[in-house]
Amino acid sequence: MNAQSMKEIPFAPSWPEPDLRLLRTELPPAPTLPLRDVLGPRLAQWVEQAAESKGAPPDYVFAAMLAAAGATIGNTRWALVWQGWTEPPVIWTMCIGLPSAGKSPAIDAAIQPLRKAERPLREAAKKELAEWSEKAEVARLMEQIWKEATRVAIKADQTPPAKPKGCDIGPAPHVPRLVVNDGTIERLGAILAQQPRGTLQMRDELAGWLEGMQRYAGGGTDRPFWLEAFGGRSFTVERMGREPLTIDRLSIGVLGGIQPERLKTLLFKSDDDGLLARFLPIWPNPSPLRRPQVWADEAMMEGVLAKLLTLDLVTDEHDVIRPFFIHFSEDARDLMDDFRQKVRGWEGEADGLMLSFLGKLPGLTARLALVLALLDWAAEGDEQPQLISVQHFGRAARLVEVYFLPMARRAYNDAGTTKVERAARRLTEIIRKQGWHRFSSREVMKLDRSGLGTKAELDPVLVLLEDGDCIRSVEPTVKPQGGRPKRLFIVNPALHGQRI
């Protein structure tokens, strides 16, 4: 600081600690994905190679794989933490990034193998459907003949003939839909009524889907359907002009991408009914631009998904078709107790959307443990799990604590803050980067930064920073010659990492 500056600013003998809430950077850093800590070696290598071949961060491939695997398992296997607490493997993931971040190619890395695994199921079903259609045509003609014979018998006051057995050939075979891109509630209901396993909805751009639901707030809305679809609960789909469909376990995975600015808009427009908080938000740093050197083994992932498709629902002693419940071991339950205590502590420091997200973490972690256990079986040659072990849940809990929780704080950073607070954080970041120990309001406005470019925008920000003991307003000891006097501020040394 030069001699002139020293004359302008009086000595500040002491400072209290600044409000740490105002010192957070606008965007928390992206955590590192602990890929090899949570996946077996074959699957971890596939994620890494798929990401490189697509020019995308491995985070996006991992997110797509979790959603695809969870939806493929569907209602065949649920986790049973303890009596009265069950969780389906339904996982919703949201890949956040700019259009050039590689979201869509990374998602394709998991979706294309799923479509390929679905193909033989669809071809077999279409063959059955063609055979059924031929029988249906014969049945229709038989029914017409029977109806005519019945009409004649009634007219002649004779006993009508019995209806031929060939008239009733049962419902048409269902053609599986393991991935749906844009299904209406009625269409999805029709699919799931015949496909109790569940399905995956993949949306290349989630914003339109989510904004479409918001548009109907106050009137008819799809939100209740999707809230239940995440939990695998029973749901009745009302259909215009038709009988309603009741689905015993409505289970739909969701996967898609969204741009950061579109997400920010949703965060401020959305009612906190828990829908947005059900997503695992994934917002990694972009991958460096380079030509791929390796290619993923597509057959390996196809084999994993095909193996998951061999899982089926079970029929209990009451002839009710239901999931097979994989119980938590006692050690895993003890670890869940410890984890819930951690979550309770995190909740004490959160509000808004983060609080909703944290409230769902214990159940979500149980789901991740189930999916990771079954991926081990499908990819690494392990035995099919009969229990969720402490190792399974421990990996899921670590993944949540070191990765998904920081990711949520990064993605939902703006959700619990006002416009003035966001601008205040922006100004503290500028103060640090500029190395300012004192500054004037005019210097800030000259930078023309968002939320700080005009006096009307800047004034409440300066008041907030003063109230938070980050800056102090001072009177210059040297008055300017003519013109408006400077508005000067000195900076708490703690903003520059100095001791107070």
Protein backbone atom coordinates (compact mmCIF):
# COMPACT_ATOMS: atom_id res chain seq x y z
CA MET A 1 0.00 0.00 0.00
CA ASN A 2 1.52 3.40 -1.01
CA ALA A 3 1.95 6.42 1.26
CA GLN A 4 -1.05 8.22 -0.24
CA SER A 5 -3.28 5.24 0.51
CA MET A 6 -2.01 5.11 4.07
CA LYS A 7 -3.01 8.72 4.53
CA GLU A 8 -6.52 8.03 3.24
CA ILE A 9 -7.30 5.14 5.62
CA PRO A 10 -7.14 5.35 9.41
CA PHE A 11 -5.54 2.54 11.41
CA ALA A 12 -7.88 -0.33 12.29
CA PRO A 13 -6.64 -1.81 15.57
CA SER A 14 -8.67 -5.05 15.65
CA TRP A 15 -11.18 -7.16 13.75
CA PRO A 16 -13.68 -9.81 14.85
CA GLU A 17 -13.92 -13.06 12.92
CA PRO A 18 -15.75 -12.50 9.61
CA ASP A 19 -19.00 -14.29 8.80
CA LEU A 20 -17.73 -17.47 7.12
CA ARG A 21 -21.01 -17.78 5.23
CA LEU A 22 -19.92 -14.80 3.11
CA LEU A 23 -16.45 -16.18 2.40
CA ARG A 24 -17.54 -19.28 0.55
CA THR A 25 -16.70 -19.20 -3.13
CA GLU A 26 -19.67 -19.03 -5.46
CA LEU A 27 -19.15 -22.57 -6.70
CA PRO A 28 -17.70 -25.20 -4.37
CA PRO A 29 -15.04 -27.36 -6.04
CA ALA A 30 -16.00 -30.64 -7.68
CA PRO A 31 -15.08 -33.67 -5.52
CA THR A 32 -12.99 -36.49 -6.93
CA LEU A 33 -14.91 -39.66 -7.78
CA PRO A 34 -13.49 -42.56 -5.67
CA LEU A 35 -14.19 -44.95 -8.52
CA ARG A 36 -11.84 -47.81 -7.61
CA ASP A 37 -12.87 -47.64 -3.96
CA VAL A 38 -16.52 -48.42 -4.72
CA LEU A 39 -16.43 -50.58 -7.89
CA GLY A 40 -14.67 -53.83 -8.66
CA PRO A 41 -11.64 -53.65 -10.98
CA ARG A 42 -13.41 -54.78 -14.19
CA LEU A 43 -16.28 -52.34 -13.82
CA ALA A 44 -14.04 -49.46 -12.70
CA GLN A 45 -11.83 -49.99 -15.75
CA TRP A 46 -14.88 -50.03 -18.01
CA VAL A 47 -16.09 -46.68 -16.60
CA GLU A 48 -12.64 -45.11 -17.09
CA GLN A 49 -12.27 -46.39 -20.64
CA ALA A 50 -15.84 -45.51 -21.61
CA ALA A 51 -15.28 -41.97 -20.33
CA GLU A 52 -12.05 -41.55 -22.30
CA SER A 53 -13.58 -42.93 -25.47
CA LYS A 54 -16.48 -40.48 -25.14
CA GLY A 55 -14.29 -37.50 -24.21
CA ALA A 56 -16.22 -37.04 -20.97
CA PRO A 57 -15.53 -37.14 -17.22
CA PRO A 58 -15.92 -40.63 -15.72
CA ASP A 59 -18.46 -39.11 -13.31
CA TYR A 60 -21.09 -38.91 -16.06
CA VAL A 61 -20.55 -42.53 -17.14
CA PHE A 62 -20.71 -43.67 -13.51
CA ALA A 63 -23.97 -41.72 -12.96
CA ALA A 64 -25.55 -43.22 -16.08
CA MET A 65 -24.43 -46.73 -15.11
CA LEU A 66 -25.96 -46.43 -11.61
CA ALA A 67 -29.33 -45.27 -12.98
CA ALA A 68 -29.36 -47.91 -15.74
CA ALA A 69 -28.35 -50.74 -13.40
CA GLY A 70 -30.87 -49.69 -10.75
CA ALA A 71 -33.71 -49.57 -13.28
CA THR A 72 -32.67 -52.93 -14.77
CA ILE A 73 -32.76 -54.57 -11.34
CA GLY A 74 -36.04 -52.76 -10.70
CA ASN A 75 -38.57 -54.56 -8.55
CA THR A 76 -36.76 -57.91 -8.71
CA ARG A 77 -34.58 -57.08 -5.68
CA TRP A 78 -35.18 -54.61 -2.85
CA ALA A 79 -33.03 -53.87 0.18
CA LEU A 80 -34.53 -54.61 3.59
CA VAL A 81 -32.68 -52.53 6.17
CA TRP A 82 -34.81 -53.82 9.02
CA GLN A 83 -38.45 -54.75 9.52
CA GLY A 84 -40.62 -52.00 8.08
CA TRP A 85 -37.85 -50.27 6.11
CA THR A 86 -37.36 -51.41 2.52
CA GLU A 87 -35.74 -49.58 -0.38
CA PRO A 88 -35.99 -50.25 -4.14
CA PRO A 89 -32.86 -49.86 -6.30
CA VAL A 90 -34.39 -46.84 -8.06
CA ILE A 91 -31.73 -44.15 -8.55
CA TRP A 92 -32.22 -40.78 -10.27
CA THR A 93 -29.11 -39.08 -11.60
CA MET A 94 -28.73 -35.62 -13.10
CA CYS A 95 -25.62 -34.87 -15.18
CA ILE A 96 -24.90 -31.13 -14.96
CA GLY A 97 -22.63 -29.32 -17.41
CA LEU A 98 -22.33 -27.07 -20.42
CA PRO A 99 -23.37 -28.41 -23.85
CA SER A 100 -19.73 -29.26 -24.63
CA ALA A 101 -19.15 -31.21 -21.38
CA GLY A 102 -19.86 -34.62 -22.96
CA LYS A 103 -23.01 -35.45 -20.99
CA SER A 104 -24.91 -37.13 -23.83
CA PRO A 105 -22.03 -39.29 -25.13
CA ALA A 106 -21.28 -40.42 -21.57
CA ILE A 107 -24.93 -41.31 -20.95
CA ASP A 108 -24.94 -43.25 -24.23
CA ALA A 109 -22.09 -45.40 -22.92
CA ALA A 110 -24.54 -46.99 -20.46
CA ILE A 111 -27.78 -46.64 -22.42
CA GLN A 112 -26.63 -48.26 -25.67
CA PRO A 113 -25.66 -51.54 -23.93
CA LEU A 114 -29.04 -51.49 -22.18
CA ARG A 115 -30.83 -51.07 -25.50
CA LYS A 116 -28.75 -53.89 -26.95
CA ALA A 117 -29.59 -56.14 -23.98
CA GLU A 118 -33.25 -55.24 -24.50
CA ARG A 119 -33.20 -56.12 -28.22
CA PRO A 120 -33.49 -59.94 -27.98
CA LEU A 121 -36.30 -59.55 -25.42
CA ARG A 122 -38.18 -57.23 -27.77
CA GLU A 123 -37.61 -59.48 -30.81
CA ALA A 124 -38.89 -62.53 -28.94
CA ALA A 125 -41.92 -60.55 -27.72
CA LYS A 126 -42.64 -59.24 -31.23
CA LYS A 127 -42.58 -62.80 -32.57
CA GLU A 128 -45.04 -63.85 -29.87
CA LEU A 129 -47.16 -60.79 -30.69
CA ALA A 130 -47.28 -61.73 -34.39
CA GLU A 131 -48.43 -65.25 -33.50
CA TRP A 132 -50.96 -63.84 -31.05
CA SER A 133 -52.31 -61.45 -33.71
CA GLU A 134 -52.98 -64.38 -36.07
CA LYS A 135 -54.82 -66.23 -33.31
CA ALA A 136 -56.67 -63.05 -32.39
CA GLU A 137 -57.99 -62.70 -35.93
CA VAL A 138 -59.29 -66.30 -35.88
CA ALA A 139 -60.77 -65.69 -32.42
CA ARG A 140 -62.50 -62.55 -33.67
CA LEU A 141 -64.12 -64.50 -36.54
CA MET A 142 -65.15 -67.34 -34.18
CA GLU A 143 -66.73 -64.79 -31.85
CA GLN A 144 -68.65 -63.19 -34.73
CA ILE A 145 -70.00 -66.59 -35.78
CA TRP A 146 -70.93 -67.42 -32.19
CA LYS A 147 -72.69 -64.08 -31.75
CA GLU A 148 -74.68 -64.61 -34.92
CA ALA A 149 -75.63 -68.17 -33.85
CA THR A 150 -76.62 -66.85 -30.43
CA ARG A 151 -78.79 -64.14 -32.01
CA VAL A 152 -80.55 -66.73 -34.20
CA ALA A 153 -81.08 -69.10 -31.22
CA ILE A 154 -82.57 -66.36 -29.07
CA LYS A 155 -84.85 -65.26 -31.90
CA ALA A 156 -86.03 -68.89 -32.34
CA ASP A 157 -86.49 -69.21 -28.55
CA GLN A 158 -83.76 -71.90 -28.45
CA THR A 159 -80.86 -72.41 -26.06
CA PRO A 160 -77.89 -70.29 -27.23
CA PRO A 161 -74.69 -72.19 -28.04
CA ALA A 162 -71.80 -72.08 -25.56
CA LYS A 163 -69.07 -69.62 -26.35
CA PRO A 164 -66.14 -71.47 -27.99
CA LYS A 165 -62.94 -71.62 -25.97
CA GLY A 166 -61.01 -70.32 -28.96
CA CYS A 167 -62.67 -66.91 -28.59
CA ASP A 168 -60.59 -66.08 -25.53
CA ILE A 169 -56.83 -66.15 -26.23
CA GLY A 170 -55.77 -63.84 -23.41
CA PRO A 171 -54.10 -60.44 -23.55
CA ALA A 172 -51.55 -59.51 -26.18
CA PRO A 173 -47.92 -60.30 -25.27
CA HIS A 174 -46.07 -57.31 -23.85
CA VAL A 175 -43.09 -55.91 -25.75
CA PRO A 176 -40.52 -54.87 -23.09
CA ARG A 177 -39.49 -51.23 -22.75
CA LEU A 178 -36.40 -51.03 -20.57
CA VAL A 179 -35.71 -47.45 -21.67
CA VAL A 180 -38.36 -44.81 -22.35
CA ASN A 181 -37.43 -41.39 -23.72
CA ASP A 182 -40.63 -39.41 -23.44
CA GLY A 183 -43.53 -41.28 -21.95
CA THR A 184 -46.78 -39.73 -20.78
CA ILE A 185 -48.16 -40.81 -17.42
CA GLU A 186 -50.83 -42.88 -19.17
CA ARG A 187 -48.28 -44.54 -21.47
CA LEU A 188 -45.89 -45.32 -18.64
CA GLY A 189 -48.77 -46.70 -16.61
CA ALA A 190 -49.73 -49.03 -19.46
CA ILE A 191 -46.11 -50.24 -19.75
CA LEU A 192 -45.64 -50.83 -16.03
CA ALA A 193 -49.00 -52.56 -15.63
CA GLN A 194 -47.54 -55.33 -17.84
CA GLN A 195 -43.90 -54.90 -16.89
CA PRO A 196 -43.73 -55.18 -13.08
CA ARG A 197 -39.92 -54.99 -13.13
CA GLY A 198 -40.08 -51.23 -13.84
CA THR A 199 -38.27 -49.13 -16.44
CA LEU A 200 -35.84 -46.24 -16.97
CA GLN A 201 -36.81 -42.83 -18.30
CA MET A 202 -33.89 -41.19 -20.09
CA ARG A 203 -34.17 -37.50 -20.99
CA ASP A 204 -31.31 -35.89 -22.86
CA GLU A 205 -32.45 -32.56 -21.35
CA LEU A 206 -34.14 -32.78 -17.96
CA ALA A 207 -35.00 -29.07 -17.71
CA GLY A 208 -38.00 -29.24 -20.03
CA TRP A 209 -39.38 -32.27 -18.22
CA LEU A 210 -39.03 -30.64 -14.79
CA GLU A 211 -40.27 -27.23 -15.95
CA GLY A 212 -43.26 -28.91 -17.58
CA MET A 213 -44.32 -30.27 -14.20
CA GLN A 214 -43.83 -26.89 -12.57
CA ARG A 215 -46.03 -25.26 -15.21
CA TYR A 216 -49.09 -27.07 -13.88
CA ALA A 217 -48.59 -26.11 -10.25
CA GLY A 218 -51.94 -25.31 -8.67
CA GLY A 219 -53.83 -27.50 -11.14
CA GLY A 220 -53.25 -30.93 -12.63
CA THR A 221 -49.64 -32.04 -12.30
CA ASP A 222 -47.49 -35.10 -12.92
CA ARG A 223 -45.45 -34.53 -9.77
CA PRO A 224 -47.36 -36.96 -7.49
CA PHE A 225 -46.80 -39.73 -10.06
CA TRP A 226 -43.04 -39.12 -10.10
CA LEU A 227 -42.78 -38.75 -6.35
CA GLU A 228 -44.29 -42.24 -6.03
CA ALA A 229 -42.19 -43.60 -8.93
CA PHE A 230 -39.05 -42.89 -6.93
CA GLY A 231 -40.33 -44.81 -3.92
CA GLY A 232 -41.76 -47.86 -5.66
CA ARG A 233 -45.14 -47.35 -4.02
CA SER A 234 -48.56 -48.37 -5.27
CA PHE A 235 -50.16 -45.87 -7.63
CA THR A 236 -53.37 -45.67 -9.65
CA VAL A 237 -53.13 -44.04 -13.07
CA GLU A 238 -56.41 -42.45 -14.15
CA ARG A 239 -57.08 -42.76 -17.89
CA MET A 240 -59.57 -40.72 -19.91
CA GLY A 241 -62.41 -42.94 -21.12
CA ARG A 242 -60.79 -46.13 -19.77
CA GLU A 243 -60.56 -48.10 -16.58
CA PRO A 244 -57.87 -46.80 -14.21
CA LEU A 245 -54.65 -48.80 -13.90
CA THR A 246 -53.31 -49.69 -10.45
CA ILE A 247 -49.59 -50.47 -10.33
CA ASP A 248 -48.49 -52.34 -7.22
CA ARG A 249 -44.92 -51.02 -7.26
CA LEU A 250 -44.39 -47.95 -9.41
CA SER A 251 -40.61 -47.98 -9.99
CA ILE A 252 -38.99 -45.79 -12.63
CA GLY A 253 -35.35 -44.74 -12.75
CA VAL A 254 -34.59 -41.32 -14.23
CA LEU A 255 -31.44 -40.21 -16.02
CA GLY A 256 -30.61 -37.08 -17.99
CA GLY A 257 -28.55 -33.96 -18.42
CA ILE A 258 -29.08 -30.29 -17.61
CA GLN A 259 -27.11 -27.08 -18.09
CA PRO A 260 -26.00 -25.17 -14.95
CA GLU A 261 -28.03 -22.04 -15.73
CA ARG A 262 -31.19 -24.07 -16.37
CA LEU A 263 -30.67 -25.84 -13.05
CA LYS A 264 -30.21 -22.51 -11.28
CA THR A 265 -33.52 -21.30 -12.74
CA LEU A 266 -35.26 -24.44 -11.50
CA LEU A 267 -33.77 -24.06 -8.03
CA PHE A 268 -35.38 -20.65 -7.61
CA LYS A 269 -38.70 -21.49 -9.28
CA SER A 270 -39.35 -24.93 -7.82
CA ASP A 271 -41.52 -25.63 -4.79
CA ASP A 272 -39.64 -27.82 -2.32
CA ASP A 273 -41.85 -30.90 -2.53
CA GLY A 274 -38.78 -33.13 -2.56
CA LEU A 275 -38.81 -33.95 -6.30
CA LEU A 276 -35.58 -32.16 -7.18
CA ALA A 277 -33.90 -33.41 -3.99
CA ARG A 278 -34.43 -37.01 -5.14
CA PHE A 279 -31.77 -36.58 -7.83
CA LEU A 280 -28.10 -37.31 -7.37
CA PRO A 281 -26.59 -34.21 -9.01
CA ILE A 282 -23.30 -34.85 -10.85
CA TRP A 283 -21.29 -31.75 -11.83
CA PRO A 284 -17.64 -32.61 -12.46
CA ASN A 285 -14.96 -30.43 -13.98
CA PRO A 286 -14.74 -30.80 -17.78
CA SER A 287 -12.33 -33.35 -19.19
CA PRO A 288 -9.32 -32.06 -21.15
CA LEU A 289 -9.73 -32.12 -24.91
CA ARG A 290 -7.70 -34.96 -26.38
CA ARG A 291 -7.98 -37.80 -28.83
CA PRO A 292 -9.08 -41.07 -27.16
CA GLN A 293 -6.33 -43.64 -26.66
CA VAL A 294 -8.51 -46.50 -25.39
CA TRP A 295 -11.97 -47.88 -26.11
CA ALA A 296 -14.43 -49.44 -23.72
CA ASP A 297 -15.33 -53.12 -23.89
CA GLU A 298 -18.98 -52.77 -24.91
CA ALA A 299 -19.57 -56.51 -24.65
CA MET A 300 -18.62 -56.42 -20.96
CA MET A 301 -21.33 -53.91 -20.05
CA GLU A 302 -23.84 -55.68 -22.26
CA GLY A 303 -23.09 -58.87 -20.34
CA VAL A 304 -23.51 -57.10 -16.99
CA LEU A 305 -26.94 -55.76 -17.91
CA ALA A 306 -28.00 -59.06 -19.48
CA LYS A 307 -27.09 -60.81 -16.22
CA LEU A 308 -29.10 -58.31 -14.21
CA LEU A 309 -32.04 -59.03 -16.52
CA THR A 310 -31.97 -62.68 -15.43
CA LEU A 311 -33.20 -61.55 -12.00
CA ASP A 312 -36.93 -61.92 -11.59
CA LEU A 313 -39.65 -61.20 -9.07
CA VAL A 314 -40.75 -63.99 -6.74
CA THR A 315 -44.16 -65.41 -5.82
CA ASP A 316 -44.82 -65.67 -2.11
CA GLU A 317 -46.93 -68.20 -0.19
CA HIS A 318 -50.05 -66.11 -0.91
CA ASP A 319 -49.42 -66.21 -4.71
CA VAL A 320 -48.47 -62.53 -4.63
CA ILE A 321 -45.71 -61.47 -7.00
CA ARG A 322 -43.22 -59.30 -5.14
CA PRO A 323 -39.52 -58.37 -4.96
CA PHE A 324 -37.01 -60.66 -3.32
CA PHE A 325 -35.84 -58.74 -0.25
CA ILE A 326 -32.10 -58.75 0.47
CA HIS A 327 -31.65 -58.16 4.20
CA PHE A 328 -28.97 -56.03 5.79
CA SER A 329 -26.56 -57.95 8.00
CA GLU A 330 -26.41 -56.92 11.68
CA ASP A 331 -23.03 -55.25 11.13
CA ALA A 332 -24.46 -53.30 8.19
CA ARG A 333 -27.40 -52.21 10.36
CA ASP A 334 -24.99 -50.96 13.03
CA LEU A 335 -23.14 -48.99 10.35
CA MET A 336 -26.46 -47.58 9.15
CA ASP A 337 -27.15 -46.36 12.71
CA ASP A 338 -23.80 -44.55 12.74
CA PHE A 339 -24.45 -43.10 9.30
CA ARG A 340 -27.86 -41.77 10.32
CA GLN A 341 -26.22 -39.96 13.23
CA LYS A 342 -23.82 -38.32 10.79
CA VAL A 343 -26.70 -37.24 8.60
CA ARG A 344 -28.46 -35.75 11.62
CA GLY A 345 -25.37 -33.64 12.25
CA TRP A 346 -25.24 -32.47 8.63
CA GLU A 347 -28.92 -31.54 8.80
CA GLY A 348 -28.20 -29.15 11.67
CA GLU A 349 -26.08 -27.04 9.32
CA ALA A 350 -28.42 -27.09 6.30
CA ASP A 351 -31.68 -25.62 5.10
CA GLY A 352 -33.85 -25.48 1.99
CA LEU A 353 -33.13 -27.98 -0.75
CA MET A 354 -29.98 -29.30 0.94
CA LEU A 355 -32.06 -30.21 3.98
CA SER A 356 -34.46 -32.17 1.75
CA PHE A 357 -31.54 -33.90 0.05
CA LEU A 358 -29.96 -34.86 3.37
CA GLY A 359 -33.23 -36.28 4.65
CA LYS A 360 -33.20 -38.83 1.84
CA LEU A 361 -29.55 -39.86 2.23
CA PRO A 362 -30.00 -42.90 4.53
CA GLY A 363 -32.52 -44.50 2.15
CA LEU A 364 -30.50 -43.51 -0.90
CA THR A 365 -27.35 -45.03 0.60
CA ALA A 366 -29.21 -48.30 1.22
CA ARG A 367 -30.22 -48.28 -2.47
CA LEU A 368 -26.62 -47.67 -3.56
CA ALA A 369 -25.42 -50.54 -1.37
CA LEU A 370 -27.94 -52.85 -3.07
CA VAL A 371 -26.96 -51.76 -6.58
CA LEU A 372 -23.21 -51.98 -5.85
CA ALA A 373 -23.66 -55.48 -4.41
CA LEU A 374 -25.53 -56.70 -7.49
CA LEU A 375 -23.02 -55.04 -9.84
CA ASP A 376 -20.26 -56.99 -8.08
CA TRP A 377 -22.20 -60.17 -8.83
CA ALA A 378 -22.92 -59.25 -12.45
CA ALA A 379 -19.49 -57.82 -13.38
CA GLU A 380 -16.89 -59.39 -11.10
CA GLY A 381 -18.11 -62.98 -10.87
CA ASP A 382 -19.05 -62.78 -7.19
CA GLU A 383 -21.84 -64.94 -5.80
CA GLN A 384 -25.32 -63.44 -5.95
CA PRO A 385 -25.68 -61.55 -2.65
CA GLN A 386 -28.07 -62.96 -0.08
CA LEU A 387 -27.25 -60.21 2.45
CA ILE A 388 -26.18 -56.57 2.23
CA SER A 389 -22.90 -56.82 4.10
CA VAL A 390 -21.02 -54.18 6.06
CA GLN A 391 -18.59 -53.98 3.11
CA HIS A 392 -21.43 -53.24 0.68
CA PHE A 393 -22.95 -50.54 2.87
CA GLY A 394 -19.55 -49.18 3.88
CA ARG A 395 -18.64 -48.54 0.23
CA ALA A 396 -21.98 -46.85 -0.40
CA ALA A 397 -21.64 -44.66 2.71
CA ARG A 398 -18.13 -43.60 1.72
CA LEU A 399 -19.33 -42.78 -1.79
CA VAL A 400 -22.08 -40.59 -0.35
CA GLU A 401 -19.89 -38.83 2.21
CA VAL A 402 -16.87 -38.02 0.05
CA TYR A 403 -18.59 -37.61 -3.30
CA PHE A 404 -22.37 -37.26 -3.53
CA LEU A 405 -22.72 -34.92 -0.54
CA PRO A 406 -20.05 -32.46 -1.79
CA MET A 407 -21.60 -32.71 -5.27
CA ALA A 408 -25.00 -31.75 -3.88
CA ARG A 409 -23.47 -28.79 -2.04
CA ARG A 410 -21.87 -27.73 -5.31
CA ALA A 411 -25.03 -28.16 -7.39
CA TYR A 412 -27.48 -26.69 -4.87
CA ASN A 413 -25.13 -23.96 -3.66
CA ASP A 414 -27.42 -21.14 -4.80
CA ALA A 415 -30.66 -22.72 -3.61
CA GLY A 416 -30.50 -21.48 -0.04
CA THR A 417 -29.04 -18.02 -0.64
CA THR A 418 -30.51 -14.65 -1.56
CA LYS A 419 -29.42 -12.62 -4.57
CA VAL A 420 -27.63 -10.15 -2.29
CA GLU A 421 -25.76 -12.93 -0.47
CA ARG A 422 -24.62 -14.46 -3.77
CA ALA A 423 -23.36 -11.04 -4.89
CA ALA A 424 -21.60 -10.58 -1.53
CA ARG A 425 -19.76 -13.86 -1.99
CA ARG A 426 -18.83 -12.72 -5.47
CA LEU A 427 -17.35 -9.49 -4.08
CA THR A 428 -15.30 -11.28 -1.39
CA GLU A 429 -13.88 -13.49 -4.14
CA ILE A 430 -12.98 -10.35 -6.17
CA ILE A 431 -11.33 -8.77 -3.11
CA ARG A 432 -9.13 -11.83 -2.70
CA LYS A 433 -8.21 -12.11 -6.38
CA GLN A 434 -7.45 -8.37 -6.67
CA GLY A 435 -5.45 -8.46 -3.44
CA TRP A 436 -7.39 -5.45 -2.14
CA HIS A 437 -6.73 -4.33 1.41
CA ARG A 438 -8.82 -1.27 0.73
CA PHE A 439 -11.10 -0.37 -2.14
CA SER A 440 -13.73 2.10 -3.24
CA SER A 441 -17.23 1.40 -4.46
CA ARG A 442 -16.27 3.02 -7.75
CA GLU A 443 -13.51 0.44 -8.27
CA VAL A 444 -16.02 -2.37 -7.80
CA MET A 445 -18.57 -0.95 -10.22
CA LYS A 446 -15.88 -0.42 -12.89
CA LEU A 447 -15.40 -4.21 -13.01
CA ASP A 448 -19.01 -4.50 -14.21
CA ARG A 449 -19.60 -7.88 -12.54
CA SER A 450 -23.04 -9.46 -12.28
CA GLY A 451 -24.97 -8.08 -9.29
CA LEU A 452 -22.29 -5.47 -8.55
CA GLY A 453 -22.36 -3.15 -11.56
CA THR A 454 -24.68 -0.41 -10.29
CA LYS A 455 -25.00 1.56 -7.05
CA ALA A 456 -28.47 0.08 -6.45
CA GLU A 457 -27.03 -3.45 -6.69
CA LEU A 458 -23.82 -2.74 -4.80
CA ASP A 459 -25.16 -0.82 -1.78
CA PRO A 460 -27.01 -3.74 -0.08
CA VAL A 461 -23.98 -5.97 -0.75
CA LEU A 462 -21.65 -3.54 1.04
CA VAL A 463 -24.07 -3.33 3.98
CA LEU A 464 -24.17 -7.13 4.24
CA LEU A 465 -20.37 -7.40 4.16
CA GLU A 466 -20.07 -4.69 6.81
CA ASP A 467 -22.61 -6.48 9.02
CA GLY A 468 -20.62 -9.67 8.50
CA ASP A 469 -17.35 -8.00 9.62
CA CYS A 470 -15.72 -8.57 6.25
CA ILE A 471 -15.18 -4.87 5.46
CA ARG A 472 -15.45 -1.47 7.22
CA SER A 473 -16.48 1.84 5.77
CA VAL A 474 -13.95 4.62 6.42
CA GLU A 475 -13.79 8.33 5.75
CA PRO A 476 -10.86 9.35 3.53
CA THR A 477 -8.52 11.74 5.29
CA VAL A 478 -7.63 13.37 1.98
CA LYS A 479 -10.72 14.88 0.34
CA PRO A 480 -10.96 14.90 -3.47
CA GLN A 481 -10.71 18.20 -5.27
CA GLY A 482 -14.27 18.66 -6.52
CA GLY A 483 -16.66 15.88 -7.52
CA ARG A 484 -18.29 13.26 -5.32
CA PRO A 485 -16.24 12.07 -2.30
CA LYS A 486 -14.91 8.52 -2.43
CA ARG A 487 -16.69 5.73 -0.58
CA LEU A 488 -13.78 3.80 0.88
CA PHE A 489 -13.67 0.47 2.64
CA ILE A 490 -10.94 -1.44 4.41
CA VAL A 491 -10.80 -5.22 4.35
CA ASN A 492 -10.65 -7.67 7.25
CA PRO A 493 -7.17 -9.27 6.99
CA ALA A 494 -8.82 -12.68 7.46
CA LEU A 495 -10.11 -12.47 3.88
CA HIS A 496 -6.50 -12.76 2.75
CA GLY A 497 -5.68 -15.54 5.19
CA GLN A 498 -3.90 -13.22 7.62
CA ARG A 499 -4.18 -13.49 11.38
CA ILE A 500 -6.47 -10.97 13.04
